[in-house]
Amino acid sequence: MSEAKSINIRPGVSILSVLRHLNYRPWFAVAEFVDNSLQSFLDYREDLHREEGDSFTLKVSIEFDPADNGRILIRDNAAGIHTPDYQRAFRPAELPPDRTGLCEFGMGMKSAACWFASSWSVRTSALGEPIERTVSFDINTIVHDKIEDLNITTKPTPPNAHFTEVVLSDLHKPPQGRTIGYTWITGAILVHLLCLDQKILLILYMIN
């Protein structure tokens, strides 16, 4: 099967511009990304332990840079987004095949990213797949030009590489100052540690 060169985000392109007006709170939006990382870990836990050993720990780093209208980077070492899930992962209002997990409604990463930022990208390498994929969203351009297909940038990578990196830039709702930024990130972490008995290490950064 040939490698897909683009993703189709139809139907629901117009939804993307509305998502920034959701009644989110920063900690809840960040929690959506942590949900994705945890769900990937839970779905592929045996494979990850087989590859990395029983001492493998899920790590999620969240970095906020206030410069240039703000930038948030979320990176994990979970199993990545695999080929069968890749197209679905980026279509608005596309439900996951298994709705019993954390990502029940299929809008978590997309809604949180659009709520935070007008531009965002996802770079991922799925465990067992020798390819790294990157897709970028410029919401204003997508909605204005009614774009329904986005190009995927790919490059070879070792099949044992596994991660997902989300970069949010040109933020609608940047955290204001060191204290607020640290507070909402910590809030997301505490929610997950209280609700899920999982082995997880979250690494926090604040750039001056």
N, C-alpha and C. Protein backbone atom coordinates (compact mmCIF):
# COMPACT_ATOMS: atom_id res chain seq x y z
N MET A 1 0.85 -1.19 0.00
CA MET A 1 0.00 0.00 0.00
C MET A 1 0.89 1.24 0.00
N SER A 2 0.62 2.19 -0.92
CA SER A 2 1.44 3.39 -1.04
C SER A 2 1.17 4.33 0.12
N GLU A 3 2.18 5.11 0.48
CA GLU A 3 2.07 6.05 1.59
C GLU A 3 1.23 7.26 1.18
N ALA A 4 0.26 7.63 2.03
CA ALA A 4 -0.60 8.77 1.74
C ALA A 4 0.22 10.06 1.78
N LYS A 5 -0.05 10.94 0.83
CA LYS A 5 0.66 12.21 0.73
C LYS A 5 -0.13 13.37 1.35
N SER A 6 -1.39 13.13 1.67
CA SER A 6 -2.22 14.19 2.23
C SER A 6 -3.29 13.58 3.12
N ILE A 7 -3.92 14.44 3.92
CA ILE A 7 -5.07 14.03 4.72
C ILE A 7 -6.26 14.87 4.28
N ASN A 8 -7.43 14.24 4.31
CA ASN A 8 -8.66 14.93 3.97
C ASN A 8 -9.38 15.31 5.26
N ILE A 9 -9.68 16.58 5.44
CA ILE A 9 -10.32 17.05 6.68
C ILE A 9 -11.79 17.37 6.47
N ARG A 10 -12.38 16.91 5.36
CA ARG A 10 -13.80 17.05 5.12
C ARG A 10 -14.52 15.85 5.74
N PRO A 11 -15.73 15.97 6.29
CA PRO A 11 -16.48 17.22 6.44
C PRO A 11 -16.06 17.96 7.71
N GLY A 12 -16.56 19.16 7.86
CA GLY A 12 -16.37 19.88 9.10
C GLY A 12 -15.29 20.93 9.08
N VAL A 13 -14.84 21.36 7.88
CA VAL A 13 -13.80 22.38 7.82
C VAL A 13 -14.24 23.65 8.55
N SER A 14 -15.50 24.03 8.36
CA SER A 14 -16.00 25.26 8.99
C SER A 14 -16.02 25.15 10.51
N ILE A 15 -16.04 23.93 11.04
CA ILE A 15 -16.05 23.75 12.49
C ILE A 15 -14.76 24.29 13.11
N LEU A 16 -13.66 24.19 12.37
CA LEU A 16 -12.36 24.55 12.92
C LEU A 16 -12.31 25.99 13.41
N SER A 17 -12.96 26.91 12.69
CA SER A 17 -12.93 28.31 13.09
C SER A 17 -13.79 28.58 14.31
N VAL A 18 -14.73 27.70 14.60
CA VAL A 18 -15.64 27.88 15.73
C VAL A 18 -15.03 27.36 17.02
N LEU A 19 -14.09 26.43 16.90
CA LEU A 19 -13.57 25.77 18.09
C LEU A 19 -12.84 26.71 19.04
N ARG A 20 -12.32 27.82 18.54
CA ARG A 20 -11.61 28.76 19.42
C ARG A 20 -12.56 29.41 20.41
N HIS A 21 -13.89 29.33 20.15
CA HIS A 21 -14.88 29.96 21.02
C HIS A 21 -15.49 28.98 22.03
N LEU A 22 -14.96 27.76 22.10
CA LEU A 22 -15.46 26.81 23.08
C LEU A 22 -15.24 27.33 24.49
N ASN A 23 -16.07 26.89 25.39
CA ASN A 23 -15.97 27.31 26.79
C ASN A 23 -14.96 26.44 27.53
N TYR A 24 -13.72 26.49 27.06
CA TYR A 24 -12.63 25.75 27.68
C TYR A 24 -11.99 26.58 28.80
N ARG A 25 -11.19 25.90 29.58
CA ARG A 25 -10.23 26.54 30.48
C ARG A 25 -8.86 26.02 30.07
N PRO A 26 -7.79 26.80 30.27
CA PRO A 26 -6.47 26.35 29.82
C PRO A 26 -6.08 24.97 30.33
N TRP A 27 -6.33 24.70 31.62
CA TRP A 27 -5.93 23.41 32.15
C TRP A 27 -6.68 22.27 31.48
N PHE A 28 -7.97 22.54 31.12
CA PHE A 28 -8.78 21.49 30.48
C PHE A 28 -8.28 21.24 29.06
N ALA A 29 -7.92 22.31 28.35
CA ALA A 29 -7.40 22.15 26.99
C ALA A 29 -6.09 21.37 27.00
N VAL A 30 -5.20 21.68 27.94
CA VAL A 30 -3.96 20.92 28.06
C VAL A 30 -4.25 19.46 28.38
N ALA A 31 -5.25 19.23 29.22
CA ALA A 31 -5.60 17.86 29.59
C ALA A 31 -6.00 17.03 28.37
N GLU A 32 -6.56 17.65 27.34
CA GLU A 32 -6.92 16.92 26.13
C GLU A 32 -5.68 16.29 25.47
N PHE A 33 -4.58 17.04 25.46
CA PHE A 33 -3.35 16.50 24.88
C PHE A 33 -2.78 15.37 25.74
N VAL A 34 -2.86 15.55 27.04
CA VAL A 34 -2.39 14.50 27.94
C VAL A 34 -3.24 13.24 27.78
N ASP A 35 -4.55 13.41 27.58
CA ASP A 35 -5.44 12.28 27.31
C ASP A 35 -4.94 11.47 26.12
N ASN A 36 -4.60 12.16 25.03
CA ASN A 36 -4.13 11.47 23.83
C ASN A 36 -2.87 10.67 24.12
N SER A 37 -1.95 11.29 24.86
CA SER A 37 -0.70 10.59 25.19
C SER A 37 -0.98 9.35 26.04
N LEU A 38 -1.84 9.50 27.04
CA LEU A 38 -2.17 8.37 27.90
C LEU A 38 -2.89 7.27 27.14
N GLN A 39 -3.80 7.64 26.25
CA GLN A 39 -4.54 6.63 25.49
C GLN A 39 -3.61 5.85 24.57
N SER A 40 -2.65 6.56 23.95
CA SER A 40 -1.67 5.87 23.11
C SER A 40 -0.85 4.90 23.93
N PHE A 41 -0.44 5.33 25.13
CA PHE A 41 0.31 4.45 26.01
C PHE A 41 -0.51 3.22 26.40
N LEU A 42 -1.78 3.44 26.75
CA LEU A 42 -2.63 2.33 27.18
C LEU A 42 -2.88 1.35 26.03
N ASP A 43 -3.10 1.88 24.83
CA ASP A 43 -3.39 1.02 23.68
C ASP A 43 -2.21 0.16 23.27
N TYR A 44 -1.00 0.68 23.47
CA TYR A 44 0.20 -0.01 22.99
C TYR A 44 1.17 -0.32 24.14
N ARG A 45 0.65 -0.45 25.33
CA ARG A 45 1.52 -0.64 26.49
C ARG A 45 2.39 -1.89 26.34
N GLU A 46 1.81 -3.01 25.91
CA GLU A 46 2.59 -4.24 25.77
C GLU A 46 3.69 -4.08 24.74
N ASP A 47 3.37 -3.43 23.62
CA ASP A 47 4.38 -3.22 22.58
C ASP A 47 5.50 -2.31 23.08
N LEU A 48 5.14 -1.26 23.82
CA LEU A 48 6.14 -0.34 24.34
C LEU A 48 7.05 -1.03 25.35
N HIS A 49 6.47 -1.85 26.22
CA HIS A 49 7.28 -2.58 27.19
C HIS A 49 8.15 -3.63 26.50
N ARG A 50 7.64 -4.23 25.44
CA ARG A 50 8.43 -5.21 24.69
C ARG A 50 9.65 -4.53 24.05
N GLU A 51 9.44 -3.31 23.56
CA GLU A 51 10.52 -2.58 22.90
C GLU A 51 11.49 -1.96 23.89
N GLU A 52 10.97 -1.35 24.96
CA GLU A 52 11.79 -0.55 25.86
C GLU A 52 12.09 -1.23 27.20
N GLY A 53 11.39 -2.33 27.48
CA GLY A 53 11.58 -2.98 28.77
C GLY A 53 10.48 -2.62 29.75
N ASP A 54 10.38 -3.42 30.82
CA ASP A 54 9.30 -3.22 31.79
C ASP A 54 9.41 -1.93 32.57
N SER A 55 10.59 -1.32 32.55
CA SER A 55 10.78 -0.07 33.30
C SER A 55 10.37 1.16 32.49
N PHE A 56 9.84 0.96 31.29
CA PHE A 56 9.44 2.10 30.45
C PHE A 56 8.43 2.98 31.18
N THR A 57 8.65 4.29 31.11
CA THR A 57 7.75 5.26 31.72
C THR A 57 7.27 6.24 30.65
N LEU A 58 5.97 6.45 30.60
CA LEU A 58 5.43 7.46 29.71
C LEU A 58 5.88 8.84 30.17
N LYS A 59 6.39 9.64 29.26
CA LYS A 59 6.82 11.00 29.58
C LYS A 59 6.08 11.98 28.68
N VAL A 60 5.53 13.00 29.27
CA VAL A 60 4.87 14.06 28.53
C VAL A 60 5.49 15.38 28.96
N SER A 61 6.07 16.11 28.02
CA SER A 61 6.63 17.43 28.36
C SER A 61 5.75 18.51 27.77
N ILE A 62 5.56 19.58 28.53
CA ILE A 62 4.74 20.71 28.12
C ILE A 62 5.57 21.97 28.29
N GLU A 63 5.82 22.65 27.20
CA GLU A 63 6.71 23.82 27.22
C GLU A 63 5.96 25.04 26.71
N PHE A 64 6.05 26.14 27.45
CA PHE A 64 5.41 27.38 27.03
C PHE A 64 6.47 28.45 26.82
N ASP A 65 6.43 29.09 25.65
CA ASP A 65 7.33 30.20 25.33
C ASP A 65 6.46 31.41 25.01
N PRO A 66 6.52 32.48 25.81
CA PRO A 66 5.64 33.63 25.60
C PRO A 66 6.04 34.53 24.44
N ALA A 67 7.20 34.32 23.85
CA ALA A 67 7.67 35.20 22.77
C ALA A 67 6.84 35.03 21.51
N ASP A 68 6.76 36.09 20.70
CA ASP A 68 6.14 36.04 19.37
C ASP A 68 4.71 35.50 19.42
N ASN A 69 3.87 36.12 20.22
CA ASN A 69 2.45 35.75 20.36
C ASN A 69 2.24 34.40 21.04
N GLY A 70 3.29 33.83 21.58
CA GLY A 70 3.15 32.62 22.38
C GLY A 70 3.29 31.34 21.58
N ARG A 71 3.89 30.35 22.22
CA ARG A 71 4.10 29.04 21.60
C ARG A 71 4.05 27.97 22.69
N ILE A 72 3.30 26.91 22.44
CA ILE A 72 3.22 25.79 23.37
C ILE A 72 3.66 24.54 22.62
N LEU A 73 4.53 23.76 23.24
CA LEU A 73 4.99 22.50 22.65
C LEU A 73 4.66 21.37 23.61
N ILE A 74 3.94 20.37 23.13
CA ILE A 74 3.61 19.18 23.92
C ILE A 74 4.25 17.98 23.23
N ARG A 75 5.06 17.24 23.95
CA ARG A 75 5.75 16.09 23.36
C ARG A 75 5.64 14.90 24.29
N ASP A 76 5.39 13.72 23.71
CA ASP A 76 5.35 12.50 24.50
C ASP A 76 6.19 11.41 23.85
N ASN A 77 6.46 10.38 24.62
CA ASN A 77 7.17 9.21 24.10
C ASN A 77 6.27 8.00 24.05
N ALA A 78 4.96 8.24 23.83
CA ALA A 78 4.01 7.14 23.67
C ALA A 78 4.20 6.50 22.29
N ALA A 79 3.20 5.79 21.80
CA ALA A 79 3.40 4.95 20.62
C ALA A 79 3.21 5.67 19.30
N GLY A 80 2.87 6.96 19.32
CA GLY A 80 2.69 7.69 18.07
C GLY A 80 1.33 7.41 17.43
N ILE A 81 1.10 8.05 16.29
CA ILE A 81 -0.16 7.87 15.56
C ILE A 81 0.10 6.91 14.41
N HIS A 82 -0.50 5.73 14.46
CA HIS A 82 -0.25 4.70 13.46
C HIS A 82 -1.05 4.94 12.18
N THR A 83 -0.59 4.32 11.11
CA THR A 83 -1.18 4.52 9.78
C THR A 83 -2.69 4.33 9.76
N PRO A 84 -3.25 3.27 10.35
CA PRO A 84 -4.72 3.10 10.29
C PRO A 84 -5.50 4.22 10.97
N ASP A 85 -4.85 4.93 11.91
CA ASP A 85 -5.54 5.98 12.67
C ASP A 85 -5.23 7.38 12.16
N TYR A 86 -4.27 7.52 11.24
CA TYR A 86 -3.72 8.84 10.94
C TYR A 86 -4.76 9.77 10.30
N GLN A 87 -5.45 9.30 9.27
CA GLN A 87 -6.43 10.16 8.61
C GLN A 87 -7.55 10.56 9.56
N ARG A 88 -8.05 9.59 10.33
CA ARG A 88 -9.14 9.88 11.26
C ARG A 88 -8.73 10.87 12.34
N ALA A 89 -7.47 10.82 12.76
CA ALA A 89 -7.02 11.65 13.88
C ALA A 89 -7.17 13.14 13.60
N PHE A 90 -7.20 13.53 12.32
CA PHE A 90 -7.21 14.96 11.99
C PHE A 90 -8.51 15.44 11.36
N ARG A 91 -9.49 14.55 11.21
CA ARG A 91 -10.77 14.98 10.66
C ARG A 91 -11.67 15.49 11.77
N PRO A 92 -12.24 16.70 11.59
CA PRO A 92 -13.15 17.22 12.62
C PRO A 92 -14.35 16.31 12.81
N ALA A 93 -14.73 16.13 14.08
CA ALA A 93 -15.94 15.38 14.43
C ALA A 93 -15.89 13.92 14.00
N GLU A 94 -14.70 13.37 13.82
CA GLU A 94 -14.56 11.96 13.48
C GLU A 94 -14.42 11.18 14.77
N LEU A 95 -15.34 10.24 15.01
CA LEU A 95 -15.32 9.48 16.25
C LEU A 95 -14.27 8.38 16.19
N PRO A 96 -13.58 8.10 17.31
CA PRO A 96 -12.64 6.99 17.33
C PRO A 96 -13.39 5.66 17.28
N PRO A 97 -12.76 4.60 16.75
CA PRO A 97 -13.45 3.31 16.68
C PRO A 97 -13.77 2.74 18.05
N ASP A 98 -12.93 3.01 19.04
CA ASP A 98 -13.17 2.57 20.41
C ASP A 98 -13.51 3.78 21.26
N ARG A 99 -14.78 3.90 21.66
CA ARG A 99 -15.22 5.06 22.42
C ARG A 99 -15.24 4.80 23.92
N THR A 100 -14.63 3.70 24.35
CA THR A 100 -14.58 3.40 25.78
C THR A 100 -13.36 4.00 26.45
N GLY A 101 -12.44 4.55 25.65
CA GLY A 101 -11.21 5.09 26.22
C GLY A 101 -11.33 6.54 26.58
N LEU A 102 -10.18 7.20 26.72
CA LEU A 102 -10.15 8.60 27.15
C LEU A 102 -10.65 9.53 26.08
N CYS A 103 -10.36 9.22 24.80
CA CYS A 103 -10.71 10.12 23.69
C CYS A 103 -12.07 9.75 23.13
N GLU A 104 -13.09 9.84 23.97
CA GLU A 104 -14.41 9.31 23.66
C GLU A 104 -15.06 9.98 22.47
N PHE A 105 -14.93 11.30 22.33
CA PHE A 105 -15.69 12.02 21.33
C PHE A 105 -14.88 12.38 20.10
N GLY A 106 -13.61 12.09 20.07
CA GLY A 106 -12.81 12.28 18.87
C GLY A 106 -12.46 13.72 18.56
N MET A 107 -12.66 14.64 19.49
CA MET A 107 -12.40 16.05 19.21
C MET A 107 -11.31 16.63 20.10
N GLY A 108 -10.74 15.84 21.00
CA GLY A 108 -9.84 16.36 22.01
C GLY A 108 -8.68 17.17 21.48
N MET A 109 -7.78 16.53 20.72
CA MET A 109 -6.60 17.23 20.22
C MET A 109 -6.99 18.36 19.28
N LYS A 110 -7.94 18.13 18.39
CA LYS A 110 -8.32 19.14 17.40
C LYS A 110 -8.99 20.34 18.06
N SER A 111 -9.91 20.10 18.98
CA SER A 111 -10.60 21.22 19.62
C SER A 111 -9.65 22.01 20.51
N ALA A 112 -8.81 21.31 21.26
CA ALA A 112 -7.87 22.00 22.14
C ALA A 112 -6.86 22.82 21.35
N ALA A 113 -6.35 22.25 20.26
CA ALA A 113 -5.38 22.96 19.44
C ALA A 113 -5.99 24.22 18.83
N CYS A 114 -7.20 24.10 18.29
CA CYS A 114 -7.86 25.26 17.67
C CYS A 114 -8.27 26.29 18.72
N TRP A 115 -8.58 25.85 19.93
CA TRP A 115 -8.93 26.78 21.01
C TRP A 115 -7.72 27.61 21.40
N PHE A 116 -6.56 26.96 21.45
CA PHE A 116 -5.35 27.64 21.85
C PHE A 116 -4.76 28.51 20.75
N ALA A 117 -4.79 28.06 19.49
CA ALA A 117 -3.91 28.65 18.47
C ALA A 117 -4.54 28.67 17.09
N SER A 118 -4.10 29.64 16.28
CA SER A 118 -4.55 29.69 14.89
C SER A 118 -3.65 28.87 13.98
N SER A 119 -2.48 28.50 14.47
CA SER A 119 -1.57 27.65 13.69
C SER A 119 -1.05 26.55 14.60
N TRP A 120 -1.08 25.32 14.11
CA TRP A 120 -0.54 24.21 14.90
C TRP A 120 -0.10 23.08 13.98
N SER A 121 0.80 22.29 14.48
CA SER A 121 1.32 21.16 13.69
C SER A 121 1.50 19.96 14.60
N VAL A 122 1.50 18.78 13.96
CA VAL A 122 1.70 17.52 14.68
C VAL A 122 2.76 16.72 13.94
N ARG A 123 3.81 16.37 14.66
CA ARG A 123 4.87 15.53 14.11
C ARG A 123 4.88 14.24 14.92
N THR A 124 4.86 13.10 14.24
CA THR A 124 4.74 11.84 14.97
C THR A 124 5.47 10.71 14.25
N SER A 125 5.94 9.77 15.04
CA SER A 125 6.51 8.53 14.54
C SER A 125 5.86 7.40 15.32
N ALA A 126 5.24 6.47 14.63
CA ALA A 126 4.51 5.38 15.28
C ALA A 126 5.43 4.19 15.50
N LEU A 127 5.35 3.58 16.65
CA LEU A 127 6.16 2.41 16.98
C LEU A 127 5.93 1.30 15.95
N GLY A 128 7.02 0.83 15.36
CA GLY A 128 6.93 -0.25 14.39
C GLY A 128 6.81 0.21 12.95
N GLU A 129 6.69 1.53 12.72
CA GLU A 129 6.57 2.05 11.37
C GLU A 129 7.80 2.91 11.04
N PRO A 130 8.46 2.65 9.90
CA PRO A 130 9.73 3.33 9.59
C PRO A 130 9.54 4.70 8.92
N ILE A 131 8.62 5.50 9.46
CA ILE A 131 8.32 6.78 8.82
C ILE A 131 7.89 7.79 9.86
N GLU A 132 8.32 9.03 9.66
CA GLU A 132 7.88 10.15 10.50
C GLU A 132 6.99 11.05 9.65
N ARG A 133 5.86 11.46 10.21
CA ARG A 133 4.90 12.28 9.49
C ARG A 133 4.67 13.61 10.20
N THR A 134 4.52 14.67 9.41
CA THR A 134 4.20 15.99 9.96
C THR A 134 3.06 16.59 9.14
N VAL A 135 2.07 17.13 9.83
CA VAL A 135 0.99 17.86 9.16
C VAL A 135 0.78 19.17 9.90
N SER A 136 0.50 20.24 9.14
CA SER A 136 0.36 21.58 9.72
C SER A 136 -1.00 22.17 9.38
N PHE A 137 -1.57 22.85 10.36
CA PHE A 137 -2.87 23.51 10.20
C PHE A 137 -2.68 25.02 10.35
N ASP A 138 -3.09 25.78 9.34
CA ASP A 138 -3.24 27.23 9.43
C ASP A 138 -4.73 27.49 9.32
N ILE A 139 -5.38 27.65 10.46
CA ILE A 139 -6.85 27.65 10.50
C ILE A 139 -7.44 28.77 9.66
N ASN A 140 -6.87 29.96 9.73
CA ASN A 140 -7.42 31.09 8.97
C ASN A 140 -7.38 30.80 7.47
N THR A 141 -6.27 30.26 6.99
CA THR A 141 -6.15 29.94 5.57
C THR A 141 -7.07 28.81 5.17
N ILE A 142 -7.15 27.78 6.01
CA ILE A 142 -8.01 26.63 5.71
C ILE A 142 -9.46 27.07 5.55
N VAL A 143 -9.93 27.89 6.49
CA VAL A 143 -11.34 28.32 6.45
C VAL A 143 -11.57 29.30 5.30
N HIS A 144 -10.68 30.28 5.12
CA HIS A 144 -10.86 31.29 4.07
C HIS A 144 -10.84 30.67 2.68
N ASP A 145 -9.90 29.75 2.44
CA ASP A 145 -9.76 29.13 1.12
C ASP A 145 -10.52 27.83 0.98
N LYS A 146 -11.25 27.45 2.03
CA LYS A 146 -12.04 26.20 2.03
C LYS A 146 -11.18 25.00 1.65
N ILE A 147 -10.02 24.93 2.25
CA ILE A 147 -9.09 23.83 1.98
C ILE A 147 -9.60 22.57 2.64
N GLU A 148 -9.61 21.47 1.90
CA GLU A 148 -10.10 20.21 2.43
C GLU A 148 -9.02 19.13 2.48
N ASP A 149 -7.86 19.39 1.89
CA ASP A 149 -6.76 18.43 1.91
C ASP A 149 -5.49 19.13 2.36
N LEU A 150 -4.78 18.51 3.30
CA LEU A 150 -3.53 19.06 3.81
C LEU A 150 -2.39 18.10 3.49
N ASN A 151 -1.28 18.66 3.04
CA ASN A 151 -0.13 17.83 2.69
C ASN A 151 0.52 17.25 3.94
N ILE A 152 1.03 16.03 3.81
CA ILE A 152 1.79 15.36 4.86
C ILE A 152 3.25 15.37 4.45
N THR A 153 4.10 15.86 5.33
CA THR A 153 5.55 15.79 5.11
C THR A 153 6.08 14.53 5.78
N THR A 154 6.83 13.72 5.06
CA THR A 154 7.32 12.46 5.60
C THR A 154 8.83 12.36 5.45
N LYS A 155 9.41 11.56 6.31
CA LYS A 155 10.82 11.22 6.16
C LYS A 155 11.06 9.88 6.85
N PRO A 156 12.07 9.12 6.39
CA PRO A 156 12.35 7.82 7.02
C PRO A 156 12.82 7.98 8.45
N THR A 157 12.49 7.00 9.28
CA THR A 157 12.93 7.01 10.66
C THR A 157 13.04 5.56 11.13
N PRO A 158 13.85 5.25 12.12
CA PRO A 158 13.94 3.87 12.62
C PRO A 158 12.57 3.38 13.10
N PRO A 159 12.21 2.13 12.82
CA PRO A 159 10.89 1.63 13.22
C PRO A 159 10.68 1.56 14.73
N ASN A 160 11.76 1.65 15.51
CA ASN A 160 11.59 1.63 16.97
C ASN A 160 11.45 3.03 17.55
N ALA A 161 11.42 4.06 16.70
CA ALA A 161 11.16 5.43 17.18
C ALA A 161 9.67 5.58 17.47
N HIS A 162 9.34 6.30 18.53
CA HIS A 162 7.92 6.47 18.88
C HIS A 162 7.76 7.75 19.68
N PHE A 163 6.96 8.67 19.15
CA PHE A 163 6.70 9.94 19.84
C PHE A 163 5.61 10.69 19.08
N THR A 164 5.05 11.68 19.74
CA THR A 164 4.19 12.67 19.09
C THR A 164 4.55 14.04 19.66
N GLU A 165 4.67 15.02 18.76
CA GLU A 165 5.00 16.38 19.15
C GLU A 165 3.98 17.34 18.55
N VAL A 166 3.29 18.08 19.39
CA VAL A 166 2.31 19.07 18.95
C VAL A 166 2.88 20.46 19.24
N VAL A 167 2.89 21.31 18.22
CA VAL A 167 3.37 22.69 18.39
C VAL A 167 2.21 23.64 18.10
N LEU A 168 1.87 24.45 19.07
CA LEU A 168 0.82 25.45 18.94
C LEU A 168 1.47 26.83 18.90
N SER A 169 1.17 27.62 17.88
CA SER A 169 1.79 28.94 17.77
C SER A 169 0.73 29.99 17.41
N ASP A 170 1.11 31.26 17.59
CA ASP A 170 0.18 32.37 17.41
C ASP A 170 -1.06 32.13 18.27
N LEU A 171 -0.85 32.13 19.57
CA LEU A 171 -1.88 31.70 20.51
C LEU A 171 -3.01 32.71 20.64
N HIS A 172 -4.25 32.20 20.67
CA HIS A 172 -5.41 33.04 20.99
C HIS A 172 -5.42 33.39 22.47
N LYS A 173 -5.03 32.41 23.28
CA LYS A 173 -5.16 32.53 24.73
C LYS A 173 -3.86 32.14 25.41
N PRO A 174 -2.82 32.96 25.24
CA PRO A 174 -1.55 32.62 25.89
C PRO A 174 -1.65 32.79 27.40
N PRO A 175 -1.06 31.89 28.17
CA PRO A 175 -1.00 32.10 29.63
C PRO A 175 -0.25 33.38 29.93
N GLN A 176 -0.67 34.08 30.94
CA GLN A 176 -0.08 35.37 31.28
C GLN A 176 0.90 35.23 32.44
N GLY A 177 2.17 35.18 32.10
CA GLY A 177 3.19 35.18 33.14
C GLY A 177 3.54 33.80 33.66
N ARG A 178 4.64 33.73 34.41
CA ARG A 178 5.16 32.47 34.91
C ARG A 178 4.16 31.77 35.84
N THR A 179 3.53 32.50 36.74
CA THR A 179 2.67 31.87 37.72
C THR A 179 1.46 31.23 37.07
N ILE A 180 0.78 31.96 36.19
CA ILE A 180 -0.42 31.42 35.55
C ILE A 180 -0.07 30.23 34.67
N GLY A 181 1.00 30.36 33.91
CA GLY A 181 1.40 29.25 33.05
C GLY A 181 1.65 27.99 33.85
N TYR A 182 2.37 28.12 34.95
CA TYR A 182 2.67 26.96 35.77
C TYR A 182 1.41 26.40 36.42
N THR A 183 0.51 27.29 36.82
CA THR A 183 -0.71 26.83 37.49
C THR A 183 -1.58 26.00 36.57
N TRP A 184 -1.83 26.48 35.33
CA TRP A 184 -2.75 25.69 34.50
C TRP A 184 -2.13 24.40 34.04
N ILE A 185 -0.82 24.36 33.82
CA ILE A 185 -0.18 23.11 33.46
C ILE A 185 -0.26 22.13 34.63
N THR A 186 0.03 22.62 35.83
CA THR A 186 -0.03 21.76 37.00
C THR A 186 -1.45 21.25 37.21
N GLY A 187 -2.46 22.10 36.96
CA GLY A 187 -3.83 21.66 37.12
C GLY A 187 -4.17 20.47 36.23
N ALA A 188 -3.71 20.51 34.98
CA ALA A 188 -3.97 19.39 34.07
C ALA A 188 -3.33 18.13 34.59
N ILE A 189 -2.10 18.25 35.09
CA ILE A 189 -1.39 17.08 35.58
C ILE A 189 -2.08 16.48 36.79
N LEU A 190 -2.49 17.32 37.72
CA LEU A 190 -3.12 16.82 38.94
C LEU A 190 -4.42 16.09 38.62
N VAL A 191 -5.18 16.58 37.69
CA VAL A 191 -6.42 15.90 37.30
C VAL A 191 -6.13 14.48 36.84
N HIS A 192 -5.11 14.32 36.01
CA HIS A 192 -4.82 12.99 35.49
C HIS A 192 -4.22 12.07 36.54
N LEU A 193 -3.40 12.61 37.40
CA LEU A 193 -2.82 11.76 38.43
C LEU A 193 -3.88 11.30 39.42
N LEU A 194 -4.89 12.12 39.65
CA LEU A 194 -5.95 11.73 40.56
C LEU A 194 -6.91 10.73 39.92
N CYS A 195 -7.13 10.84 38.61
CA CYS A 195 -8.15 10.04 37.95
C CYS A 195 -7.61 8.73 37.39
N LEU A 196 -6.30 8.65 37.14
CA LEU A 196 -5.74 7.49 36.46
C LEU A 196 -4.56 6.94 37.25
N ASP A 197 -4.63 5.68 37.56
CA ASP A 197 -3.53 5.04 38.27
C ASP A 197 -2.53 4.51 37.25
N GLN A 198 -1.84 5.43 36.58
CA GLN A 198 -0.89 5.06 35.55
C GLN A 198 0.49 5.58 35.93
N LYS A 199 1.50 4.92 35.37
CA LYS A 199 2.88 5.35 35.61
C LYS A 199 3.22 6.41 34.59
N ILE A 200 3.31 7.67 35.05
CA ILE A 200 3.51 8.76 34.10
C ILE A 200 4.40 9.83 34.74
N LEU A 201 5.33 10.31 33.96
CA LEU A 201 6.20 11.40 34.38
C LEU A 201 5.95 12.58 33.46
N LEU A 202 5.56 13.72 34.01
CA LEU A 202 5.34 14.91 33.21
C LEU A 202 6.43 15.92 33.52
N ILE A 203 7.03 16.44 32.47
CA ILE A 203 8.16 17.36 32.60
C ILE A 203 7.68 18.74 32.21
N LEU A 204 7.89 19.75 33.06
CA LEU A 204 7.38 21.09 32.81
C LEU A 204 8.52 22.05 32.52
N TYR A 205 8.27 22.94 31.56
CA TYR A 205 9.25 23.96 31.22
C TYR A 205 8.57 25.32 31.16
N MET A 206 9.27 26.36 31.56
CA MET A 206 8.81 27.72 31.34
C MET A 206 10.03 28.52 30.83
N ILE A 207 9.92 29.05 29.61
CA ILE A 207 11.01 29.79 29.02
C ILE A 207 10.84 31.26 29.32
N ASN A 208 11.87 31.90 29.81
CA ASN A 208 11.81 33.34 30.10
C ASN A 208 11.86 34.14 28.80
